[in-house]
Amino acid sequence: MDRPAILIFLVVISLVAVSVGLFLFYGVTVGTTADWTMVLLTMVLVSYTGITIQEAQKNRKKSTIERQLEKLYSPLYEILERARYESSVERNAMRSKPPESSFALSLKEFDRISSIVERYGHYLDDAERLRLKVDLQKHTTKEKDSLDEVDLVRREGIWYCYTDIDMERHLMFMKDKREKLRNALYLLSR
């Protein structure tokens, strides 16, 4: 049994014992004891209902935080972190092409960010969502040197590059928000 159910069971047993004790030692009639017991059991039922509602609210909040982490903040953070810090040959080559940039997003990553913001952007602060949409449009498009390597069907070979000024704040925002949500989830899971 879960903890609230055990607590209720113990309270009910205690009330029955008190009722029997009142009857045996003080001669309180059964009708009065039954009425008193009914009031106490009603109070127990109300408190159990309150505990159940609190647990449901806690579970709903926990579920919302998990969904925010899973669908929005973690994927965006991972994509932006990879765009900024991954040191693959291709990504480094795109970053170093003039004009130099700090963030290099492949066309697939750009599309993924756009679809995440479109689908789950309601979890973002309104100001952050608007800034991210505006800053995503401030890209420099860079292509691979050989046109044979650009494949628009598979969406490969085209890169969107950004400066620190445009994207670093979004990376930090996602990182901070993700940590706050993880901490809140940890506290709710205790």
Protein backbone atom coordinates (compact mmCIF):
# COMPACT_ATOMS: atom_id res chain seq x y z
CA MET A 1 0.00 0.00 0.00
CA ASP A 2 1.09 3.55 -0.53
CA ARG A 3 1.79 5.91 2.34
CA PRO A 4 -1.53 7.86 2.33
CA ALA A 5 -3.53 4.61 2.36
CA ILE A 6 -1.54 3.27 5.33
CA LEU A 7 -2.05 6.57 7.14
CA ILE A 8 -5.81 6.45 6.57
CA PHE A 9 -5.98 2.83 7.70
CA LEU A 10 -4.17 3.67 10.94
CA VAL A 11 -6.44 6.67 11.58
CA VAL A 12 -9.57 4.57 11.03
CA ILE A 13 -8.31 1.86 13.41
CA SER A 14 -7.49 4.54 15.99
CA LEU A 15 -10.96 6.06 15.68
CA VAL A 16 -12.61 2.68 16.16
CA ALA A 17 -10.46 2.06 19.24
CA VAL A 18 -11.34 5.51 20.66
CA SER A 19 -15.04 4.89 20.00
CA VAL A 20 -14.96 1.53 21.81
CA GLY A 21 -12.98 3.08 24.67
CA LEU A 22 -15.49 5.92 25.07
CA PHE A 23 -18.34 3.46 25.19
CA LEU A 24 -16.70 1.11 27.68
CA PHE A 25 -15.23 3.68 30.09
CA TYR A 26 -17.63 6.60 29.94
CA GLY A 27 -20.84 4.91 28.98
CA VAL A 28 -21.36 7.01 25.90
CA THR A 29 -24.28 5.48 24.05
CA VAL A 30 -23.73 3.66 20.81
CA GLY A 31 -25.81 6.18 18.82
CA THR A 32 -23.66 9.08 20.02
CA THR A 33 -20.46 7.12 19.43
CA ALA A 34 -21.66 6.12 15.96
CA ASP A 35 -22.45 9.75 15.11
CA TRP A 36 -19.08 10.89 16.45
CA THR A 37 -17.30 8.14 14.53
CA MET A 38 -19.15 9.14 11.34
CA VAL A 39 -17.97 12.75 11.69
CA LEU A 40 -14.38 11.66 12.24
CA LEU A 41 -14.47 9.24 9.32
CA THR A 42 -15.84 12.03 7.13
CA MET A 43 -12.90 14.20 8.21
CA VAL A 44 -10.53 11.37 7.36
CA LEU A 45 -12.13 10.97 3.95
CA VAL A 46 -11.82 14.71 3.27
CA SER A 47 -8.16 14.69 4.26
CA TYR A 48 -7.53 11.64 2.05
CA THR A 49 -9.19 13.47 -0.85
CA GLY A 50 -6.94 16.47 -0.23
CA ILE A 51 -3.85 14.28 -0.22
CA THR A 52 -4.97 12.61 -3.46
CA ILE A 53 -5.55 15.97 -5.15
CA GLN A 54 -2.11 17.21 -4.05
CA GLU A 55 -0.47 14.07 -5.44
CA ALA A 56 -2.33 14.50 -8.74
CA GLN A 57 -1.21 18.14 -8.99
CA LYS A 58 2.37 17.13 -8.21
CA ASN A 59 2.25 14.39 -10.88
CA ARG A 60 0.81 16.79 -13.44
CA LYS A 61 3.52 19.37 -12.71
CA LYS A 62 6.18 16.67 -12.91
CA SER A 63 4.78 15.45 -16.23
CA THR A 64 4.79 18.98 -17.66
CA ILE A 65 8.41 19.54 -16.63
CA GLU A 66 9.44 16.20 -18.14
CA ARG A 67 7.69 17.12 -21.39
CA GLN A 68 9.39 20.55 -21.48
CA LEU A 69 12.79 18.96 -20.95
CA GLU A 70 12.24 16.13 -23.41
CA LYS A 71 10.56 18.03 -26.22
CA LEU A 72 11.99 21.56 -26.04
CA TYR A 73 14.87 22.55 -23.80
CA SER A 74 17.13 19.49 -24.06
CA PRO A 75 16.93 19.13 -27.87
CA LEU A 76 17.45 22.86 -28.45
CA TYR A 77 20.35 22.97 -26.03
CA GLU A 78 22.01 19.93 -27.60
CA ILE A 79 21.66 21.30 -31.14
CA LEU A 80 22.97 24.75 -30.17
CA GLU A 81 25.82 23.27 -28.13
CA ARG A 82 26.81 21.04 -31.05
CA ALA A 83 26.62 24.03 -33.42
CA ARG A 84 28.93 26.00 -31.12
CA TYR A 85 31.42 23.46 -29.78
CA GLU A 86 31.50 20.37 -32.01
CA SER A 87 34.84 20.20 -33.78
CA SER A 88 34.11 18.02 -36.77
CA VAL A 89 36.08 18.81 -39.92
CA GLU A 90 33.02 19.86 -41.87
CA ARG A 91 31.59 22.07 -39.11
CA ASN A 92 34.96 23.75 -38.48
CA ALA A 93 35.37 24.39 -42.19
CA MET A 94 31.98 26.11 -42.32
CA ARG A 95 32.73 28.21 -39.24
CA SER A 96 36.06 29.40 -40.66
CA LYS A 97 34.71 30.37 -44.11
CA PRO A 98 34.40 34.14 -44.46
CA PRO A 99 32.71 35.77 -42.68
CA GLU A 100 33.87 33.81 -39.64
CA SER A 101 31.18 32.63 -37.29
CA SER A 102 30.92 30.80 -33.97
CA PHE A 103 27.83 28.70 -34.61
CA ALA A 104 27.34 26.45 -37.62
CA LEU A 105 23.97 24.74 -38.08
CA SER A 106 23.38 22.26 -40.86
CA LEU A 107 20.18 22.70 -42.82
CA LYS A 108 18.72 19.65 -41.03
CA GLU A 109 19.55 21.15 -37.63
CA PHE A 110 18.06 24.48 -38.66
CA ASP A 111 14.88 22.73 -39.78
CA ARG A 112 14.79 20.74 -36.53
CA ILE A 113 15.08 23.91 -34.41
CA SER A 114 12.34 25.56 -36.46
CA SER A 115 10.01 22.58 -36.05
CA ILE A 116 10.69 22.33 -32.28
CA VAL A 117 9.96 26.03 -31.79
CA GLU A 118 6.86 25.77 -33.95
CA ARG A 119 5.51 22.72 -32.12
CA TYR A 120 6.62 23.35 -28.51
CA GLY A 121 7.33 27.09 -28.51
CA HIS A 122 4.41 27.68 -26.15
CA TYR A 123 6.68 26.37 -23.36
CA LEU A 124 9.20 29.15 -24.07
CA ASP A 125 8.93 32.62 -22.59
CA ASP A 126 7.27 34.88 -25.17
CA ALA A 127 10.27 37.22 -25.32
CA GLU A 128 12.75 34.34 -25.73
CA ARG A 129 10.63 32.70 -28.46
CA LEU A 130 10.44 35.96 -30.40
CA ARG A 131 14.20 36.67 -30.00
CA LEU A 132 15.05 33.12 -31.11
CA LYS A 133 12.83 33.37 -34.21
CA VAL A 134 14.35 36.75 -35.13
CA ASP A 135 17.93 35.63 -34.47
CA LEU A 136 17.49 32.44 -36.51
CA GLN A 137 16.86 34.69 -39.53
CA LYS A 138 20.19 36.52 -39.05
CA HIS A 139 22.25 33.73 -40.58
CA THR A 140 24.94 33.67 -43.19
CA THR A 141 24.34 30.84 -45.65
CA LYS A 142 27.44 28.85 -46.53
CA GLU A 143 27.68 25.94 -48.91
CA LYS A 144 30.25 23.24 -49.44
CA ASP A 145 32.92 24.10 -51.98
CA SER A 146 31.78 21.56 -54.52
CA LEU A 147 28.24 21.79 -55.81
CA ASP A 148 28.30 18.00 -56.14
CA GLU A 149 28.31 17.82 -52.34
CA VAL A 150 25.15 19.97 -52.01
CA ASP A 151 22.09 17.74 -51.93
CA LEU A 152 18.84 19.63 -51.41
CA VAL A 153 16.75 16.44 -51.38
CA ARG A 154 18.64 15.02 -48.39
CA ARG A 155 19.15 18.59 -47.10
CA GLU A 156 22.94 18.28 -46.92
CA GLY A 157 25.76 20.63 -47.82
CA ILE A 158 24.08 23.89 -46.80
CA TRP A 159 24.96 25.47 -43.47
CA TYR A 160 23.57 28.42 -41.56
CA CYS A 161 26.22 30.25 -39.57
CA TYR A 162 25.80 32.73 -36.72
CA THR A 163 27.94 34.96 -34.57
CA ASP A 164 28.18 34.80 -30.78
CA ILE A 165 26.12 37.96 -30.54
CA ASP A 166 23.18 36.28 -32.24
CA MET A 167 23.14 32.82 -30.68
CA GLU A 168 25.22 32.66 -27.47
CA ARG A 169 22.40 34.09 -25.34
CA HIS A 170 20.03 31.40 -26.60
CA LEU A 171 22.53 28.67 -25.75
CA MET A 172 22.94 30.09 -22.23
CA PHE A 173 19.18 30.54 -21.81
CA MET A 174 18.53 26.91 -22.79
CA LYS A 175 21.29 25.71 -20.49
CA ASP A 176 20.03 27.70 -17.49
CA LYS A 177 16.39 26.80 -18.06
CA ARG A 178 17.26 23.13 -18.49
CA GLU A 179 19.17 23.12 -15.19
CA LYS A 180 16.30 24.85 -13.37
CA LEU A 181 13.80 22.34 -14.73
CA ARG A 182 16.05 19.41 -13.83
CA ASN A 183 16.34 20.71 -10.27
CA ALA A 184 12.57 21.22 -10.04
CA LEU A 185 12.02 17.69 -11.36
CA TYR A 186 14.46 16.29 -8.81
CA LEU A 187 12.63 18.06 -5.98
CA LEU A 188 9.24 16.81 -7.22
CA SER A 189 10.57 13.25 -7.50
CA ARG A 190 11.69 13.06 -3.87
